[in-house]
Amino acid sequence: MRLGKIYAGLGMKEEASANGKKGVDIITQSVDALQLPAFKEILAEIFAQLNRPAEAVDVLRELSAIPNYTSVHRWKIEPWYDPIRDSEEFRQLIREFEEK
């Protein structure tokens, strides 16, 4: 998963996306409920770095449906989300959670 973030930082879109998805698939198959949220958040960060807001928001929505340590407040300030911060999808996600 960390390799996926490195690939994203280097602009290697296909490698980053494939590595991130593979990491989530592996952890999902092993049914590791404690690590799954962290891996999903890394995948969302990879999609954000690749400027793919729809995919990042989809993963963040999945993440918000399961118990985990992260929050919308963190997403608002985390620099990994800077590339998508002004996208309509990301802003809508933030608004939805602020209204709750």
PDB file of N, CA and C in Angstrom:
ATOM      1  N   MET A   1       0.813  -1.195   0.000  1.00  0.00           N
ATOM      2  CA  MET A   1       0.000   0.000   0.000  1.00  0.00           C
ATOM      3  C   MET A   1       0.858   1.261   0.000  1.00  0.00           C
ATOM      4  N   ARG A   2       1.889   1.256   0.815  1.00  0.00           N
ATOM      5  CA  ARG A   2       2.759   2.442   0.847  1.00  0.00           C
ATOM      6  C   ARG A   2       3.435   2.642  -0.508  1.00  0.00           C
ATOM      7  N   LEU A   3       3.739   1.539  -1.178  1.00  0.00           N
ATOM      8  CA  LEU A   3       4.333   1.627  -2.502  1.00  0.00           C
ATOM      9  C   LEU A   3       3.360   2.326  -3.461  1.00  0.00           C
ATOM     10  N   GLY A   4       2.068   2.071  -3.297  1.00  0.00           N
ATOM     11  CA  GLY A   4       1.058   2.738  -4.113  1.00  0.00           C
ATOM     12  C   GLY A   4       1.086   4.244  -3.915  1.00  0.00           C
ATOM     13  N   LYS A   5       1.293   4.679  -2.661  1.00  0.00           N
ATOM     14  CA  LYS A   5       1.386   6.121  -2.399  1.00  0.00           C
ATOM     15  C   LYS A   5       2.643   6.701  -3.040  1.00  0.00           C
ATOM     16  N   ILE A   6       3.717   5.939  -3.027  1.00  0.00           N
ATOM     17  CA  ILE A   6       4.955   6.403  -3.666  1.00  0.00           C
ATOM     18  C   ILE A   6       4.737   6.530  -5.170  1.00  0.00           C
ATOM     19  N   TYR A   7       4.123   5.504  -5.765  1.00  0.00           N
ATOM     20  CA  TYR A   7       3.819   5.572  -7.191  1.00  0.00           C
ATOM     21  C   TYR A   7       2.947   6.782  -7.511  1.00  0.00           C
ATOM     22  N   ALA A   8       1.951   7.043  -6.661  1.00  0.00           N
ATOM     23  CA  ALA A   8       1.067   8.196  -6.895  1.00  0.00           C
ATOM     24  C   ALA A   8       1.858   9.494  -6.854  1.00  0.00           C
ATOM     25  N   GLY A   9       2.765   9.595  -5.891  1.00  0.00           N
ATOM     26  CA  GLY A   9       3.595  10.790  -5.784  1.00  0.00           C
ATOM     27  C   GLY A   9       4.499  10.995  -6.986  1.00  0.00           C
ATOM     28  N   LEU A  10       4.872   9.894  -7.617  1.00  0.00           N
ATOM     29  CA  LEU A  10       5.725   9.967  -8.803  1.00  0.00           C
ATOM     30  C   LEU A  10       4.920  10.110 -10.094  1.00  0.00           C
ATOM     31  N   GLY A  11       3.589  10.126  -9.956  1.00  0.00           N
ATOM     32  CA  GLY A  11       2.743  10.274 -11.133  1.00  0.00           C
ATOM     33  C   GLY A  11       2.555   8.991 -11.920  1.00  0.00           C
ATOM     34  N   MET A  12       2.890   7.857 -11.335  1.00  0.00           N
ATOM     35  CA  MET A  12       2.757   6.561 -11.993  1.00  0.00           C
ATOM     36  C   MET A  12       1.352   6.020 -11.707  1.00  0.00           C
ATOM     37  N   LYS A  13       0.379   6.519 -12.463  1.00  0.00           N
ATOM     38  CA  LYS A  13      -1.032   6.310 -12.166  1.00  0.00           C
ATOM     39  C   LYS A  13      -1.450   4.845 -12.159  1.00  0.00           C
ATOM     40  N   GLU A  14      -1.116   4.118 -13.192  1.00  0.00           N
ATOM     41  CA  GLU A  14      -1.549   2.718 -13.277  1.00  0.00           C
ATOM     42  C   GLU A  14      -0.953   1.873 -12.158  1.00  0.00           C
ATOM     43  N   GLU A  15       0.335   2.057 -11.895  1.00  0.00           N
ATOM     44  CA  GLU A  15       1.006   1.292 -10.848  1.00  0.00           C
ATOM     45  C   GLU A  15       0.424   1.620  -9.470  1.00  0.00           C
ATOM     46  N   ALA A  16       0.157   2.915  -9.240  1.00  0.00           N
ATOM     47  CA  ALA A  16      -0.396   3.348  -7.953  1.00  0.00           C
ATOM     48  C   ALA A  16      -1.771   2.745  -7.720  1.00  0.00           C
ATOM     49  N   SER A  17      -2.621   2.855  -8.711  1.00  0.00           N
ATOM     50  CA  SER A  17      -3.978   2.337  -8.589  1.00  0.00           C
ATOM     51  C   SER A  17      -3.973   0.819  -8.401  1.00  0.00           C
ATOM     52  N   ALA A  18      -3.201   0.122  -9.203  1.00  0.00           N
ATOM     53  CA  ALA A  18      -3.137  -1.343  -9.107  1.00  0.00           C
ATOM     54  C   ALA A  18      -2.604  -1.778  -7.752  1.00  0.00           C
ATOM     55  N   ASN A  19      -1.569  -1.125  -7.269  1.00  0.00           N
ATOM     56  CA  ASN A  19      -0.979  -1.486  -5.982  1.00  0.00           C
ATOM     57  C   ASN A  19      -1.951  -1.225  -4.843  1.00  0.00           C
ATOM     58  N   GLY A  20      -2.640  -0.116  -4.870  1.00  0.00           N
ATOM     59  CA  GLY A  20      -3.607   0.204  -3.827  1.00  0.00           C
ATOM     60  C   GLY A  20      -4.761  -0.780  -3.791  1.00  0.00           C
ATOM     61  N   LYS A  21      -5.312  -1.087  -4.961  1.00  0.00           N
ATOM     62  CA  LYS A  21      -6.427  -2.040  -5.030  1.00  0.00           C
ATOM     63  C   LYS A  21      -5.991  -3.423  -4.584  1.00  0.00           C
ATOM     64  N   LYS A  22      -4.788  -3.821  -4.960  1.00  0.00           N
ATOM     65  CA  LYS A  22      -4.280  -5.141  -4.569  1.00  0.00           C
ATOM     66  C   LYS A  22      -4.150  -5.234  -3.051  1.00  0.00           C
ATOM     67  N   GLY A  23      -3.663  -4.188  -2.427  1.00  0.00           N
ATOM     68  CA  GLY A  23      -3.516  -4.179  -0.974  1.00  0.00           C
ATOM     69  C   GLY A  23      -4.851  -4.344  -0.266  1.00  0.00           C
ATOM     70  N   VAL A  24      -5.869  -3.639  -0.746  1.00  0.00           N
ATOM     71  CA  VAL A  24      -7.195  -3.756  -0.139  1.00  0.00           C
ATOM     72  C   VAL A  24      -7.762  -5.155  -0.381  1.00  0.00           C
ATOM     73  N   ASP A  25      -7.561  -5.696  -1.581  1.00  0.00           N
ATOM     74  CA  ASP A  25      -8.042  -7.049  -1.874  1.00  0.00           C
ATOM     75  C   ASP A  25      -7.403  -8.081  -0.954  1.00  0.00           C
ATOM     76  N   ILE A  26      -6.103  -7.956  -0.751  1.00  0.00           N
ATOM     77  CA  ILE A  26      -5.390  -8.911   0.113  1.00  0.00           C
ATOM     78  C   ILE A  26      -5.919  -8.831   1.531  1.00  0.00           C
ATOM     79  N   ILE A  27      -6.053  -7.642   2.052  1.00  0.00           N
ATOM     80  CA  ILE A  27      -6.500  -7.478   3.439  1.00  0.00           C
ATOM     81  C   ILE A  27      -7.954  -7.907   3.582  1.00  0.00           C
ATOM     82  N   THR A  28      -8.794  -7.656   2.553  1.00  0.00           N
ATOM     83  CA  THR A  28     -10.192  -8.063   2.594  1.00  0.00           C
ATOM     84  C   THR A  28     -10.294  -9.587   2.613  1.00  0.00           C
ATOM     85  N   GLN A  29      -9.480 -10.252   1.819  1.00  0.00           N
ATOM     86  CA  GLN A  29      -9.503 -11.715   1.770  1.00  0.00           C
ATOM     87  C   GLN A  29      -9.043 -12.332   3.076  1.00  0.00           C
ATOM     88  N   SER A  30      -8.161 -11.648   3.779  1.00  0.00           N
ATOM     89  CA  SER A  30      -7.679 -12.190   5.040  1.00  0.00           C
ATOM     90  C   SER A  30      -8.633 -11.851   6.192  1.00  0.00           C
ATOM     91  N   VAL A  31      -9.655 -11.064   5.904  1.00  0.00           N
ATOM     92  CA  VAL A  31     -10.675 -10.671   6.880  1.00  0.00           C
ATOM     93  C   VAL A  31     -10.027 -10.066   8.125  1.00  0.00           C
ATOM     94  N   ASP A  32      -9.135  -9.141   7.899  1.00  0.00           N
ATOM     95  CA  ASP A  32      -8.487  -8.443   9.001  1.00  0.00           C
ATOM     96  C   ASP A  32      -9.240  -7.145   9.252  1.00  0.00           C
ATOM     97  N   ALA A  33     -10.227  -7.213  10.120  1.00  0.00           N
ATOM     98  CA  ALA A  33     -11.105  -6.071  10.361  1.00  0.00           C
ATOM     99  C   ALA A  33     -10.385  -4.888  10.987  1.00  0.00           C
ATOM    100  N   LEU A  34      -9.277  -5.134  11.644  1.00  0.00           N
ATOM    101  CA  LEU A  34      -8.557  -4.029  12.271  1.00  0.00           C
ATOM    102  C   LEU A  34      -7.727  -3.238  11.268  1.00  0.00           C
ATOM    103  N   GLN A  35      -7.195  -3.913  10.267  1.00  0.00           N
ATOM    104  CA  GLN A  35      -6.353  -3.216   9.296  1.00  0.00           C
ATOM    105  C   GLN A  35      -7.105  -2.722   8.074  1.00  0.00           C
ATOM    106  N   LEU A  36      -8.272  -3.281   7.812  1.00  0.00           N
ATOM    107  CA  LEU A  36      -9.006  -2.909   6.608  1.00  0.00           C
ATOM    108  C   LEU A  36      -9.272  -1.399   6.506  1.00  0.00           C
ATOM    109  N   PRO A  37      -9.733  -0.724   7.571  1.00  0.00           N
ATOM    110  CA  PRO A  37      -9.955   0.723   7.435  1.00  0.00           C
ATOM    111  C   PRO A  37      -8.689   1.499   7.063  1.00  0.00           C
ATOM    112  N   ALA A  38      -7.566   1.124   7.625  1.00  0.00           N
ATOM    113  CA  ALA A  38      -6.313   1.822   7.292  1.00  0.00           C
ATOM    114  C   ALA A  38      -5.953   1.614   5.823  1.00  0.00           C
ATOM    115  N   PHE A  39      -6.138   0.408   5.328  1.00  0.00           N
ATOM    116  CA  PHE A  39      -5.830   0.132   3.932  1.00  0.00           C
ATOM    117  C   PHE A  39      -6.791   0.870   3.005  1.00  0.00           C
ATOM    118  N   LYS A  40      -8.056   0.937   3.383  1.00  0.00           N
ATOM    119  CA  LYS A  40      -9.026   1.672   2.560  1.00  0.00           C
ATOM    120  C   LYS A  40      -8.689   3.162   2.537  1.00  0.00           C
ATOM    121  N   GLU A  41      -8.269   3.695   3.667  1.00  0.00           N
ATOM    122  CA  GLU A  41      -7.917   5.107   3.685  1.00  0.00           C
ATOM    123  C   GLU A  41      -6.695   5.373   2.800  1.00  0.00           C
ATOM    124  N   ILE A  42      -5.734   4.484   2.824  1.00  0.00           N
ATOM    125  CA  ILE A  42      -4.566   4.647   1.951  1.00  0.00           C
ATOM    126  C   ILE A  42      -5.000   4.605   0.489  1.00  0.00           C
ATOM    127  N   LEU A  43      -5.926   3.703   0.156  1.00  0.00           N
ATOM    128  CA  LEU A  43      -6.425   3.637  -1.219  1.00  0.00           C
ATOM    129  C   LEU A  43      -7.114   4.957  -1.600  1.00  0.00           C
ATOM    130  N   ALA A  44      -7.896   5.521  -0.714  1.00  0.00           N
ATOM    131  CA  ALA A  44      -8.536   6.816  -0.987  1.00  0.00           C
ATOM    132  C   ALA A  44      -7.484   7.899  -1.197  1.00  0.00           C
ATOM    133  N   GLU A  45      -6.424   7.872  -0.397  1.00  0.00           N
ATOM    134  CA  GLU A  45      -5.351   8.855  -0.536  1.00  0.00           C
ATOM    135  C   GLU A  45      -4.636   8.691  -1.878  1.00  0.00           C
ATOM    136  N   ILE A  46      -4.460   7.447  -2.304  1.00  0.00           N
ATOM    137  CA  ILE A  46      -3.838   7.201  -3.615  1.00  0.00           C
ATOM    138  C   ILE A  46      -4.711   7.794  -4.718  1.00  0.00           C
ATOM    139  N   PHE A  47      -6.012   7.506  -4.676  1.00  0.00           N
ATOM    140  CA  PHE A  47      -6.913   8.064  -5.696  1.00  0.00           C
ATOM    141  C   PHE A  47      -6.903   9.591  -5.659  1.00  0.00           C
ATOM    142  N   ALA A  48      -6.835  10.168  -4.468  1.00  0.00           N
ATOM    143  CA  ALA A  48      -6.781  11.626  -4.359  1.00  0.00           C
ATOM    144  C   ALA A  48      -5.510  12.161  -5.001  1.00  0.00           C
ATOM    145  N   GLN A  49      -4.381  11.531  -4.735  1.00  0.00           N
ATOM    146  CA  GLN A  49      -3.121  11.976  -5.315  1.00  0.00           C
ATOM    147  C   GLN A  49      -3.122  11.850  -6.838  1.00  0.00           C
ATOM    148  N   LEU A  50      -3.887  10.890  -7.352  1.00  0.00           N
ATOM    149  CA  LEU A  50      -3.988  10.703  -8.799  1.00  0.00           C
ATOM    150  C   LEU A  50      -5.054  11.615  -9.411  1.00  0.00           C
ATOM    151  N   ASN A  51      -5.645  12.479  -8.568  1.00  0.00           N
ATOM    152  CA  ASN A  51      -6.696  13.402  -8.989  1.00  0.00           C
ATOM    153  C   ASN A  51      -7.886  12.645  -9.589  1.00  0.00           C
ATOM    154  N   ARG A  52      -8.312  11.609  -8.861  1.00  0.00           N
ATOM    155  CA  ARG A  52      -9.478  10.815  -9.244  1.00  0.00           C
ATOM    156  C   ARG A  52     -10.504  10.930  -8.111  1.00  0.00           C
ATOM    157  N   PRO A  53     -11.171  12.088  -8.022  1.00  0.00           N
ATOM    158  CA  PRO A  53     -12.043  12.361  -6.885  1.00  0.00           C
ATOM    159  C   PRO A  53     -13.210  11.391  -6.731  1.00  0.00           C
ATOM    160  N   ALA A  54     -13.820  10.973  -7.811  1.00  0.00           N
ATOM    161  CA  ALA A  54     -14.968  10.070  -7.704  1.00  0.00           C
ATOM    162  C   ALA A  54     -14.574   8.767  -7.021  1.00  0.00           C
ATOM    163  N   GLU A  55     -13.429   8.227  -7.420  1.00  0.00           N
ATOM    164  CA  GLU A  55     -12.972   6.965  -6.815  1.00  0.00           C
ATOM    165  C   GLU A  55     -12.564   7.173  -5.359  1.00  0.00           C
ATOM    166  N   ALA A  56     -11.897   8.277  -5.069  1.00  0.00           N
ATOM    167  CA  ALA A  56     -11.498   8.558  -3.686  1.00  0.00           C
ATOM    168  C   ALA A  56     -12.722   8.695  -2.792  1.00  0.00           C
ATOM    169  N   VAL A  57     -13.726   9.423  -3.266  1.00  0.00           N
ATOM    170  CA  VAL A  57     -14.942   9.628  -2.481  1.00  0.00           C
ATOM    171  C   VAL A  57     -15.695   8.312  -2.292  1.00  0.00           C
ATOM    172  N   ASP A  58     -15.732   7.470  -3.305  1.00  0.00           N
ATOM    173  CA  ASP A  58     -16.380   6.160  -3.157  1.00  0.00           C
ATOM    174  C   ASP A  58     -15.741   5.361  -2.031  1.00  0.00           C
ATOM    175  N   VAL A  59     -14.417   5.358  -1.988  1.00  0.00           N
ATOM    176  CA  VAL A  59     -13.709   4.624  -0.938  1.00  0.00           C
ATOM    177  C   VAL A  59     -13.973   5.272   0.421  1.00  0.00           C
ATOM    178  N   LEU A  60     -13.981   6.594   0.496  1.00  0.00           N
ATOM    179  CA  LEU A  60     -14.248   7.276   1.767  1.00  0.00           C
ATOM    180  C   LEU A  60     -15.668   6.999   2.256  1.00  0.00           C
ATOM    181  N   ARG A  61     -16.617   6.890   1.333  1.00  0.00           N
ATOM    182  CA  ARG A  61     -17.979   6.532   1.730  1.00  0.00           C
ATOM    183  C   ARG A  61     -18.016   5.121   2.319  1.00  0.00           C
ATOM    184  N   GLU A  62     -17.321   4.184   1.669  1.00  0.00           N
ATOM    185  CA  GLU A  62     -17.233   2.823   2.204  1.00  0.00           C
ATOM    186  C   GLU A  62     -16.604   2.851   3.596  1.00  0.00           C
ATOM    187  N   LEU A  63     -15.568   3.638   3.725  1.00  0.00           N
ATOM    188  CA  LEU A  63     -14.847   3.731   4.994  1.00  0.00           C
ATOM    189  C   LEU A  63     -15.743   4.297   6.092  1.00  0.00           C
ATOM    190  N   SER A  64     -16.569   5.250   5.746  1.00  0.00           N
ATOM    191  CA  SER A  64     -17.427   5.865   6.756  1.00  0.00           C
ATOM    192  C   SER A  64     -18.518   4.919   7.241  1.00  0.00           C
ATOM    193  N   ALA A  65     -18.766   3.832   6.519  1.00  0.00           N
ATOM    194  CA  ALA A  65     -19.817   2.886   6.892  1.00  0.00           C
ATOM    195  C   ALA A  65     -19.341   1.819   7.876  1.00  0.00           C
ATOM    196  N   ILE A  66     -18.045   1.780   8.151  1.00  0.00           N
ATOM    197  CA  ILE A  66     -17.516   0.775   9.074  1.00  0.00           C
ATOM    198  C   ILE A  66     -16.804   1.472  10.231  1.00  0.00           C
ATOM    199  N   PRO A  67     -16.769   0.833  11.387  1.00  0.00           N
ATOM    200  CA  PRO A  67     -16.062   1.442  12.525  1.00  0.00           C
ATOM    201  C   PRO A  67     -14.583   1.641  12.202  1.00  0.00           C
ATOM    202  N   ASN A  68     -14.080   2.834  12.459  1.00  0.00           N
ATOM    203  CA  ASN A  68     -12.677   3.122  12.190  1.00  0.00           C
ATOM    204  C   ASN A  68     -12.254   4.370  12.939  1.00  0.00           C
ATOM    205  N   TYR A  69     -10.994   4.719  12.799  1.00  0.00           N
ATOM    206  CA  TYR A  69     -10.390   5.822  13.554  1.00  0.00           C
ATOM    207  C   TYR A  69     -10.452   7.159  12.831  1.00  0.00           C
ATOM    208  N   THR A  70     -10.795   7.186  11.577  1.00  0.00           N
ATOM    209  CA  THR A  70     -10.719   8.415  10.801  1.00  0.00           C
ATOM    210  C   THR A  70     -12.045   9.179  10.851  1.00  0.00           C
ATOM    211  N   SER A  71     -12.011  10.398  10.362  1.00  0.00           N
ATOM    212  CA  SER A  71     -13.222  11.221  10.390  1.00  0.00           C
ATOM    213  C   SER A  71     -13.188  12.239   9.264  1.00  0.00           C
ATOM    214  N   VAL A  72     -14.335  12.834   9.042  1.00  0.00           N
ATOM    215  CA  VAL A  72     -14.443  13.871   8.024  1.00  0.00           C
ATOM    216  C   VAL A  72     -13.548  15.053   8.372  1.00  0.00           C
ATOM    217  N   HIS A  73     -13.346  15.311   9.653  1.00  0.00           N
ATOM    218  CA  HIS A  73     -12.475  16.422  10.061  1.00  0.00           C
ATOM    219  C   HIS A  73     -11.043  16.174   9.615  1.00  0.00           C
ATOM    220  N   ARG A  74     -10.630  14.945   9.693  1.00  0.00           N
ATOM    221  CA  ARG A  74      -9.281  14.595   9.231  1.00  0.00           C
ATOM    222  C   ARG A  74      -9.176  14.753   7.718  1.00  0.00           C
ATOM    223  N   TRP A  75     -10.201  14.315   6.995  1.00  0.00           N
ATOM    224  CA  TRP A  75     -10.177  14.419   5.537  1.00  0.00           C
ATOM    225  C   TRP A  75     -10.075  15.877   5.106  1.00  0.00           C
ATOM    226  N   LYS A  76     -10.660  16.772   5.879  1.00  0.00           N
ATOM    227  CA  LYS A  76     -10.649  18.193   5.523  1.00  0.00           C
ATOM    228  C   LYS A  76      -9.257  18.807   5.625  1.00  0.00           C
ATOM    229  N   ILE A  77      -8.403  18.286   6.494  1.00  0.00           N
ATOM    230  CA  ILE A  77      -7.084  18.901   6.697  1.00  0.00           C
ATOM    231  C   ILE A  77      -5.920  18.055   6.188  1.00  0.00           C
ATOM    232  N   GLU A  78      -6.169  16.785   5.912  1.00  0.00           N
ATOM    233  CA  GLU A  78      -5.097  15.885   5.477  1.00  0.00           C
ATOM    234  C   GLU A  78      -4.565  16.330   4.110  1.00  0.00           C
ATOM    235  N   PRO A  79      -3.261  16.596   3.995  1.00  0.00           N
ATOM    236  CA  PRO A  79      -2.716  17.092   2.728  1.00  0.00           C
ATOM    237  C   PRO A  79      -2.836  16.106   1.562  1.00  0.00           C
ATOM    238  N   TRP A  80      -3.008  14.826   1.854  1.00  0.00           N
ATOM    239  CA  TRP A  80      -3.159  13.853   0.769  1.00  0.00           C
ATOM    240  C   TRP A  80      -4.385  14.162  -0.086  1.00  0.00           C
ATOM    241  N   TYR A  81      -5.359  14.844   0.489  1.00  0.00           N
ATOM    242  CA  TYR A  81      -6.591  15.134  -0.246  1.00  0.00           C
ATOM    243  C   TYR A  81      -6.560  16.483  -0.955  1.00  0.00           C
ATOM    244  N   ASP A  82      -5.453  17.191  -0.895  1.00  0.00           N
ATOM    245  CA  ASP A  82      -5.342  18.499  -1.551  1.00  0.00           C
ATOM    246  C   ASP A  82      -5.702  18.471  -3.041  1.00  0.00           C
ATOM    247  N   PRO A  83      -5.253  17.463  -3.805  1.00  0.00           N
ATOM    248  CA  PRO A  83      -5.572  17.484  -5.243  1.00  0.00           C
ATOM    249  C   PRO A  83      -7.067  17.421  -5.560  1.00  0.00           C
ATOM    250  N   ILE A  84      -7.875  16.878  -4.632  1.00  0.00           N
ATOM    251  CA  ILE A  84      -9.310  16.764  -4.912  1.00  0.00           C
ATOM    252  C   ILE A  84     -10.154  17.677  -4.024  1.00  0.00           C
ATOM    253  N   ARG A  85      -9.511  18.447  -3.192  1.00  0.00           N
ATOM    254  CA  ARG A  85     -10.230  19.256  -2.207  1.00  0.00           C
ATOM    255  C   ARG A  85     -11.281  20.171  -2.838  1.00  0.00           C
ATOM    256  N   ASP A  86     -11.026  20.684  -4.010  1.00  0.00           N
ATOM    257  CA  ASP A  86     -11.963  21.596  -4.660  1.00  0.00           C
ATOM    258  C   ASP A  86     -12.930  20.895  -5.609  1.00  0.00           C
ATOM    259  N   SER A  87     -12.853  19.573  -5.695  1.00  0.00           N
ATOM    260  CA  SER A  87     -13.769  18.848  -6.585  1.00  0.00           C
ATOM    261  C   SER A  87     -15.164  18.833  -5.978  1.00  0.00           C
ATOM    262  N   GLU A  88     -16.150  18.813  -6.838  1.00  0.00           N
ATOM    263  CA  GLU A  88     -17.539  18.799  -6.372  1.00  0.00           C
ATOM    264  C   GLU A  88     -17.834  17.538  -5.556  1.00  0.00           C
ATOM    265  N   GLU A  89     -17.276  16.403  -5.961  1.00  0.00           N
ATOM    266  CA  GLU A  89     -17.523  15.148  -5.245  1.00  0.00           C
ATOM    267  C   GLU A  89     -17.023  15.222  -3.804  1.00  0.00           C
ATOM    268  N   PHE A  90     -15.825  15.744  -3.624  1.00  0.00           N
ATOM    269  CA  PHE A  90     -15.248  15.833  -2.283  1.00  0.00           C
ATOM    270  C   PHE A  90     -16.005  16.850  -1.431  1.00  0.00           C
ATOM    271  N   ARG A  91     -16.316  17.988  -2.005  1.00  0.00           N
ATOM    272  CA  ARG A  91     -17.056  19.011  -1.257  1.00  0.00           C
ATOM    273  C   ARG A  91     -18.429  18.499  -0.831  1.00  0.00           C
ATOM    274  N   GLN A  92     -19.092  17.737  -1.719  1.00  0.00           N
ATOM    275  CA  GLN A  92     -20.396  17.167  -1.390  1.00  0.00           C
ATOM    276  C   GLN A  92     -20.274  16.171  -0.233  1.00  0.00           C
ATOM    277  N   LEU A  93     -19.247  15.352  -0.252  1.00  0.00           N
ATOM    278  CA  LEU A  93     -19.014  14.388   0.828  1.00  0.00           C
ATOM    279  C   LEU A  93     -18.843  15.119   2.164  1.00  0.00           C
ATOM    280  N   ILE A  94     -18.047  16.157   2.169  1.00  0.00           N
ATOM    281  CA  ILE A  94     -17.809  16.923   3.393  1.00  0.00           C
ATOM    282  C   ILE A  94     -19.123  17.544   3.878  1.00  0.00           C
ATOM    283  N   ARG A  95     -19.895  18.132   2.954  1.00  0.00           N
ATOM    284  CA  ARG A  95     -21.171  18.743   3.343  1.00  0.00           C
ATOM    285  C   ARG A  95     -22.123  17.714   3.950  1.00  0.00           C
ATOM    286  N   GLU A  96     -22.179  16.534   3.359  1.00  0.00           N
ATOM    287  CA  GLU A  96     -23.066  15.480   3.877  1.00  0.00           C
ATOM    288  C   GLU A  96     -22.737  15.148   5.327  1.00  0.00           C
ATOM    289  N   PHE A  97     -21.452  15.033   5.630  1.00  0.00           N
ATOM    290  CA  PHE A  97     -21.060  14.661   6.991  1.00  0.00           C
ATOM    291  C   PHE A  97     -21.185  15.820   7.970  1.00  0.00           C
ATOM    292  N   GLU A  98     -21.033  17.032   7.494  1.00  0.00           N
ATOM    293  CA  GLU A  98     -21.188  18.183   8.379  1.00  0.00           C
ATOM    294  C   GLU A  98     -22.649  18.412   8.747  1.00  0.00           C
ATOM    295  N   GLU A  99     -23.563  17.973   7.895  1.00  0.00           N
ATOM    296  CA  GLU A  99     -24.987  18.127   8.157  1.00  0.00           C
ATOM    297  C   GLU A  99     -25.502  17.123   9.188  1.00  0.00           C
ATOM    298  N   LYS A 100     -24.766  16.053   9.396  1.00  0.00           N
ATOM    299  CA  LYS A 100     -25.206  15.009  10.342  1.00  0.00           C
ATOM    300  C   LYS A 100     -25.010  15.425  11.768  1.00  0.00           C
TER     301      LYS A 100
END
